[in-house]
């Protein structure tokens, strides 16, 4: 089973900034699309009724054989089912006999028209309902769950809620998960300005699209959209949530400290010490049960973990390794 100690990129790739940048550039995305297209999986779009919302998912079946298990994959903030890390992970899991379900959060991908109210990170109920809908559509397959960045945060919260909700998860894997929105925001505010610009550019475009689709509900004028991340988040919390302030909103989806101590689903977490977006210091106080494992690599950037060619990644291999081990343990070795 692969561990973080197995990841040793070449010297030229031992920069968190370079890893994070290359992971989002076209060569990595194109390689993921090519790897997936070469497999020719059967693909089906699903519209999932989810706690009053409608979420879009794509079910990919391994070609030419019955699936051994199902993997539900969650993207990060302002990502989608087409994010490079999801495409590479899906391709590898398909090759290893997994059915794969790629779920789009509300207002991610081409889904802004499906729900009138906008996305925010505390909308766990609808993602949990979507996961239950996936389980109902694939009742004969063990279900495993993986997420990246904010998707890793959602994945771990889903795993925490799973037993009470009747969601049977064999394993959960999270790559560079957000532990607390407040510290993540500070990292973006105080770090390289490129990251703040990158996320704000994508978020503003998403909000403009939402406004254009539902002009009677959303009146995002320039004065609102030109705010920085802290100011815009605070305004949307005020308009669209019941939380009294920004701190309460961040607490609503935080998993830092002891919040995962009671996690009953076996879990694996992969983090990079040089992640420029998620502060590695947050993980020092993370309390996990014996069935959960945290691994911190010196390198990897934010959801990068690229190998020598700069296109393929270690994280997808790590996820596939963890999933295979989980299935083996469930079957008695």
Protein backbone atom coordinates (compact mmCIF):
# COMPACT_ATOMS: atom_id res chain seq x y z
CA UNK A 1 0.00 0.00 0.00
CA UNK A 2 1.42 3.37 -1.00
CA UNK A 3 2.23 5.93 1.68
CA UNK A 4 3.39 9.55 1.58
CA UNK A 5 6.98 8.37 2.03
CA UNK A 6 6.77 6.77 -1.41
CA UNK A 7 6.34 10.17 -3.03
CA UNK A 8 9.74 11.57 -3.98
CA UNK A 9 9.47 14.00 -6.90
CA UNK A 10 12.57 15.08 -8.79
CA UNK A 11 14.43 18.08 -7.42
CA UNK A 12 12.94 20.47 -9.97
CA UNK A 13 9.43 19.60 -8.76
CA UNK A 14 10.10 20.18 -5.05
CA UNK A 15 8.33 23.52 -4.95
CA UNK A 16 4.82 23.85 -3.59
CA UNK A 17 4.10 26.79 -5.87
CA UNK A 18 5.31 24.95 -8.98
CA UNK A 19 3.35 21.84 -8.06
CA UNK A 20 0.17 23.86 -7.52
CA UNK A 21 0.60 25.78 -10.77
CA UNK A 22 1.43 22.83 -13.00
CA UNK A 23 -1.45 20.81 -11.57
CA UNK A 24 -3.96 23.33 -12.97
CA UNK A 25 -2.39 23.90 -16.39
CA UNK A 26 -3.65 22.40 -19.68
CA UNK A 27 -1.03 19.61 -20.05
CA UNK A 28 -2.20 17.94 -16.83
CA UNK A 29 -5.86 18.38 -17.76
CA UNK A 30 -5.32 17.10 -21.30
CA UNK A 31 -3.46 14.06 -20.06
CA UNK A 32 -6.37 13.24 -17.75
CA UNK A 33 -8.90 13.59 -20.54
CA UNK A 34 -6.80 11.41 -22.83
CA UNK A 35 -6.37 8.72 -20.18
CA UNK A 36 -10.12 8.63 -19.58
CA UNK A 37 -11.08 8.73 -23.27
CA UNK A 38 -8.73 5.85 -24.05
CA UNK A 39 -10.73 3.58 -21.74
CA UNK A 40 -14.05 4.33 -23.45
CA UNK A 41 -16.13 3.88 -20.30
CA UNK A 42 -19.89 3.83 -20.51
CA UNK A 43 -20.93 7.28 -19.26
CA UNK A 44 -24.33 8.32 -17.99
CA UNK A 45 -25.44 11.66 -16.59
CA UNK A 46 -27.48 11.49 -13.41
CA UNK A 47 -29.69 14.25 -11.97
CA UNK A 48 -29.94 13.49 -8.26
CA UNK A 49 -32.75 14.82 -6.08
CA UNK A 50 -30.86 15.93 -3.00
CA UNK A 51 -32.56 17.51 0.03
CA UNK A 52 -34.55 19.97 -2.03
CA UNK A 53 -31.74 20.54 -4.54
CA UNK A 54 -30.79 18.88 -7.79
CA UNK A 55 -27.15 17.83 -8.17
CA UNK A 56 -25.51 16.55 -11.30
CA UNK A 57 -23.33 13.45 -11.37
CA UNK A 58 -21.69 11.31 -14.03
CA UNK A 59 -21.58 7.55 -13.67
CA UNK A 60 -18.68 5.86 -15.47
CA UNK A 61 -18.71 2.07 -15.75
CA UNK A 62 -15.52 0.06 -16.37
CA UNK A 63 -15.61 -1.25 -19.94
CA UNK A 64 -15.98 -4.94 -20.60
CA UNK A 65 -16.41 -6.17 -17.05
CA UNK A 66 -18.56 -5.94 -13.96
CA UNK A 67 -17.45 -3.37 -11.41
CA UNK A 68 -15.86 -4.60 -8.18
CA UNK A 69 -16.86 -1.48 -6.21
CA UNK A 70 -18.03 2.11 -6.70
CA UNK A 71 -15.99 5.24 -6.02
CA UNK A 72 -17.67 8.59 -5.46
CA UNK A 73 -15.28 11.48 -6.23
CA UNK A 74 -15.65 15.08 -5.04
CA UNK A 75 -13.90 18.09 -6.59
CA UNK A 76 -12.67 21.23 -4.83
CA UNK A 77 -14.08 24.75 -4.71
CA UNK A 78 -14.68 26.13 -8.22
CA UNK A 79 -13.61 22.79 -9.69
CA UNK A 80 -15.91 20.29 -11.38
CA UNK A 81 -16.14 16.75 -12.70
CA UNK A 82 -13.63 17.89 -15.34
CA UNK A 83 -10.93 18.90 -12.85
CA UNK A 84 -7.67 17.25 -13.80
CA UNK A 85 -7.22 15.43 -10.47
CA UNK A 86 -10.69 13.87 -10.82
CA UNK A 87 -10.12 12.81 -14.43
CA UNK A 88 -6.81 11.13 -13.59
CA UNK A 89 -8.26 9.46 -10.50
CA UNK A 90 -11.31 8.27 -12.42
CA UNK A 91 -9.17 6.80 -15.20
CA UNK A 92 -6.97 4.88 -12.78
CA UNK A 93 -9.91 3.54 -10.78
CA UNK A 94 -11.71 2.46 -13.95
CA UNK A 95 -8.62 0.55 -15.04
CA UNK A 96 -8.68 -1.22 -11.68
CA UNK A 97 -12.31 -2.28 -12.03
CA UNK A 98 -14.16 0.43 -10.12
CA UNK A 99 -17.33 2.13 -11.23
CA UNK A 100 -16.81 5.87 -10.75
CA UNK A 101 -19.32 8.59 -9.93
CA UNK A 102 -18.19 12.19 -10.39
CA UNK A 103 -20.45 14.54 -8.43
CA UNK A 104 -20.73 18.25 -9.14
CA UNK A 105 -21.54 20.48 -6.21
CA UNK A 106 -24.26 23.06 -6.69
CA UNK A 107 -23.11 25.82 -9.11
CA UNK A 108 -20.03 23.88 -10.21
CA UNK A 109 -19.49 22.69 -13.73
CA UNK A 110 -22.43 23.51 -15.97
CA UNK A 111 -25.05 23.35 -13.20
CA UNK A 112 -25.85 26.92 -12.23
CA UNK A 113 -29.32 26.62 -13.75
CA UNK A 114 -30.35 23.63 -11.63
CA UNK A 115 -30.89 25.48 -8.33
CA UNK A 116 -31.92 29.10 -7.74
CA UNK A 117 -29.93 29.61 -4.53
CA UNK A 118 -26.11 29.71 -4.66
CA UNK A 119 -23.55 27.24 -3.35
CA UNK A 120 -21.87 27.61 0.00
CA UNK A 121 -19.62 25.24 1.91
CA UNK A 122 -22.08 24.45 4.71
CA UNK A 123 -24.55 22.72 2.36
CA UNK A 124 -23.69 19.24 3.60
CA UNK A 125 -27.28 17.93 3.66
CA UNK A 126 -27.67 17.99 -0.11
CA UNK A 127 -24.30 16.33 -0.73
CA UNK A 128 -25.18 13.64 1.80
CA UNK A 129 -28.53 13.12 0.07
CA UNK A 130 -26.75 12.84 -3.27
CA UNK A 131 -24.37 10.23 -1.84
CA UNK A 132 -27.34 8.25 -0.55
CA UNK A 133 -28.91 8.47 -4.02
CA UNK A 134 -25.69 7.09 -5.53
CA UNK A 135 -25.76 4.24 -3.03
CA UNK A 136 -29.38 3.48 -3.97
CA UNK A 137 -28.50 3.35 -7.68
CA UNK A 138 -25.54 1.01 -7.09
CA UNK A 139 -26.86 -1.13 -4.22
CA UNK A 140 -24.71 -4.20 -4.90
CA UNK A 141 -21.34 -2.43 -4.89
CA UNK A 142 -19.21 -1.40 -1.90
CA UNK A 143 -19.03 2.40 -1.89
CA UNK A 144 -15.80 4.33 -1.35
CA UNK A 145 -15.39 8.10 -1.23
CA UNK A 146 -12.57 10.48 -2.12
CA UNK A 147 -12.31 14.26 -2.26
CA UNK A 148 -9.78 16.97 -2.98
CA UNK A 149 -9.38 20.29 -1.12
CA UNK A 150 -12.91 21.48 -0.24
CA UNK A 151 -14.10 18.15 -1.65
CA UNK A 152 -11.86 16.47 0.92
CA UNK A 153 -13.55 18.50 3.62
CA UNK A 154 -16.97 17.40 2.34
CA UNK A 155 -15.79 13.79 2.10
CA UNK A 156 -14.67 13.70 5.73
CA UNK A 157 -17.88 15.38 6.90
CA UNK A 158 -19.89 12.87 4.89
CA UNK A 159 -17.97 10.04 6.52
CA UNK A 160 -18.68 11.53 9.96
CA UNK A 161 -22.41 11.73 9.19
CA UNK A 162 -22.60 8.41 7.31
CA UNK A 163 -23.51 5.93 10.08
CA UNK A 164 -26.49 7.94 11.33
CA UNK A 165 -27.68 8.61 7.78
CA UNK A 166 -27.46 5.00 6.60
CA UNK A 167 -24.62 5.69 4.16
CA UNK A 168 -22.39 2.62 4.04
CA UNK A 169 -18.84 3.69 3.20
CA UNK A 170 -15.98 1.20 3.04
CA UNK A 171 -13.31 3.93 3.14
CA UNK A 172 -12.85 7.67 2.71
CA UNK A 173 -9.73 9.33 1.27
CA UNK A 174 -9.04 13.08 1.39
CA UNK A 175 -6.26 14.95 -0.40
CA UNK A 176 -5.27 18.38 0.99
CA UNK A 177 -8.62 18.81 2.76
CA UNK A 178 -9.74 22.19 4.08
CA UNK A 179 -9.79 21.87 7.87
CA UNK A 180 -10.99 25.36 8.75
CA UNK A 181 -12.16 28.06 6.38
CA UNK A 182 -10.84 30.86 8.57
CA UNK A 183 -7.23 29.69 8.41
CA UNK A 184 -7.56 28.92 4.70
CA UNK A 185 -8.79 32.45 4.07
CA UNK A 186 -5.86 33.90 6.03
CA UNK A 187 -3.46 31.79 3.95
CA UNK A 188 -4.92 33.21 0.75
CA UNK A 189 -4.83 36.76 2.10
CA UNK A 190 -1.23 36.55 3.29
CA UNK A 191 0.26 34.27 0.66
CA UNK A 192 1.22 34.70 -2.96
CA UNK A 193 -1.43 37.02 -4.49
CA UNK A 194 -1.77 34.68 -7.49
CA UNK A 195 -3.92 32.23 -5.50
CA UNK A 196 -6.35 34.86 -4.25
CA UNK A 197 -6.65 36.23 -7.79
CA UNK A 198 -7.16 32.75 -9.28
CA UNK A 199 -10.01 31.75 -6.97
CA UNK A 200 -11.66 35.18 -7.07
CA UNK A 201 -11.61 35.25 -10.86
CA UNK A 202 -13.41 31.90 -11.01
CA UNK A 203 -15.81 32.74 -8.18
CA UNK A 204 -16.82 36.10 -9.62
CA UNK A 205 -17.49 34.47 -13.00
CA UNK A 206 -19.66 31.87 -11.26
CA UNK A 207 -21.65 34.53 -9.41
CA UNK A 208 -22.17 36.55 -12.59
CA UNK A 209 -23.54 33.46 -14.27
CA UNK A 210 -25.87 32.85 -11.36
CA UNK A 211 -27.06 36.45 -11.52
CA UNK A 212 -27.72 36.20 -15.25
CA UNK A 213 -29.76 33.03 -14.82
CA UNK A 214 -31.78 34.31 -11.85
CA UNK A 215 -31.75 38.11 -12.09
CA UNK A 216 -34.83 38.46 -9.91
CA UNK A 217 -33.05 36.71 -7.00
CA UNK A 218 -29.45 37.83 -7.29
CA UNK A 219 -28.32 41.42 -7.64
CA UNK A 220 -24.56 41.22 -7.59
CA UNK A 221 -23.45 44.66 -8.72
CA UNK A 222 -19.86 45.76 -9.20
CA UNK A 223 -19.66 47.10 -5.67
CA UNK A 224 -20.33 43.60 -4.34
CA UNK A 225 -18.31 41.58 -6.84
CA UNK A 226 -15.25 43.83 -6.58
CA UNK A 227 -14.81 43.00 -2.89
CA UNK A 228 -11.96 40.78 -1.78
CA UNK A 229 -12.59 37.20 -0.71
CA UNK A 230 -13.28 38.06 2.92
CA UNK A 231 -15.67 40.87 2.06
CA UNK A 232 -17.55 38.92 -0.61
CA UNK A 233 -17.85 35.82 1.57
CA UNK A 234 -19.21 37.90 4.45
CA UNK A 235 -21.78 39.51 2.16
CA UNK A 236 -23.01 36.18 0.79
CA UNK A 237 -23.17 34.69 4.29
CA UNK A 238 -25.38 37.63 5.27
CA UNK A 239 -27.63 37.27 2.22
CA UNK A 240 -27.96 33.53 1.84
CA UNK A 241 -27.39 31.79 5.16
CA UNK A 242 -28.74 31.86 8.69
CA UNK A 243 -25.28 32.24 10.22
CA UNK A 244 -24.86 35.47 12.19
CA UNK A 245 -21.36 36.21 10.93
CA UNK A 246 -18.35 34.91 9.05
CA UNK A 247 -16.89 33.11 12.06
CA UNK A 248 -20.09 31.13 12.61
CA UNK A 249 -20.15 30.16 8.93
CA UNK A 250 -16.55 28.91 9.04
CA UNK A 251 -17.33 26.91 12.17
CA UNK A 252 -20.26 25.25 10.38
CA UNK A 253 -17.99 23.33 8.02
CA UNK A 254 -14.79 23.11 10.08
CA UNK A 255 -13.26 19.69 10.74
CA UNK A 256 -10.15 20.90 12.60
CA UNK A 257 -9.07 19.91 16.11
CA UNK A 258 -11.24 17.21 17.68
CA UNK A 259 -14.15 17.40 15.25
CA UNK A 260 -13.21 14.10 13.54
CA UNK A 261 -12.30 12.25 16.75
CA UNK A 262 -15.48 10.17 16.58
CA UNK A 263 -15.11 9.25 12.90
CA UNK A 264 -16.36 5.68 12.45
CA UNK A 265 -15.52 5.20 8.76
CA UNK A 266 -11.90 4.17 8.05
CA UNK A 267 -10.14 7.20 6.60
CA UNK A 268 -6.90 8.22 4.92
CA UNK A 269 -5.68 11.81 4.61
CA UNK A 270 -2.83 12.95 2.37
CA UNK A 271 -1.39 16.42 2.93
CA UNK A 272 1.63 18.31 1.59
CA UNK A 273 3.76 20.32 3.99
CA UNK A 274 4.37 22.90 1.25
CA UNK A 275 0.69 23.41 0.37
CA UNK A 276 0.35 27.18 -0.21
CA UNK A 277 -3.45 27.19 0.17
CA UNK A 278 -4.17 24.89 3.13
CA UNK A 279 -2.00 25.62 6.21
CA UNK A 280 -0.19 22.45 7.25
CA UNK A 281 -0.07 23.82 10.82
CA UNK A 282 -3.80 23.07 11.13
CA UNK A 283 -3.00 19.35 10.99
CA UNK A 284 -0.80 19.42 14.09
CA UNK A 285 -3.86 19.53 16.36
CA UNK A 286 -6.06 17.24 14.27
CA UNK A 287 -7.35 14.42 16.45
CA UNK A 288 -8.26 11.22 14.62
CA UNK A 289 -9.41 7.76 15.72
CA UNK A 290 -7.21 4.70 15.30
CA UNK A 291 -9.04 3.80 12.08
CA UNK A 292 -7.89 7.03 10.40
CA UNK A 293 -4.41 7.79 9.10
CA UNK A 294 -2.86 11.18 8.36
CA UNK A 295 0.16 11.29 6.06
CA UNK A 296 2.12 14.46 5.38
CA UNK A 297 4.55 14.59 2.48
CA UNK A 298 7.28 17.25 2.39
CA UNK A 299 6.21 18.00 -1.18
CA UNK A 300 3.10 18.12 -3.32
CA UNK A 301 1.73 21.67 -3.22
CA UNK A 302 -2.02 22.06 -3.30
CA UNK A 303 -3.52 18.89 -4.83
CA UNK A 304 -0.45 18.52 -7.01
CA UNK A 305 1.75 15.56 -6.06
CA UNK A 306 2.98 15.46 -9.64
CA UNK A 307 5.39 12.82 -10.91
CA UNK A 308 8.45 13.43 -13.07
CA UNK A 309 6.55 14.05 -16.30
CA UNK A 310 4.49 16.82 -14.69
CA UNK A 311 1.26 15.24 -15.93
CA UNK A 312 0.61 12.08 -13.96
CA UNK A 313 0.22 12.30 -10.20
CA UNK A 314 0.94 10.36 -7.04
CA UNK A 315 -2.35 11.27 -5.32
CA UNK A 316 -4.52 9.24 -7.71
CA UNK A 317 -2.27 6.23 -7.20
CA UNK A 318 -2.41 6.72 -3.43
CA UNK A 319 -6.23 6.81 -3.53
CA UNK A 320 -6.41 3.68 -5.68
CA UNK A 321 -3.99 1.91 -3.32
CA UNK A 322 -6.06 2.85 -0.26
CA UNK A 323 -9.28 1.75 -1.92
CA UNK A 324 -7.81 -1.60 -2.95
CA UNK A 325 -6.52 -2.20 0.57
CA UNK A 326 -9.92 -1.29 2.04
CA UNK A 327 -11.67 -3.78 -0.22
CA UNK A 328 -9.13 -6.43 0.65
CA UNK A 329 -9.66 -5.85 4.37
CA UNK A 330 -13.44 -6.01 3.95
CA UNK A 331 -13.10 -9.36 2.21
CA UNK A 332 -10.76 -10.79 4.82
CA UNK A 333 -7.41 -10.01 3.19
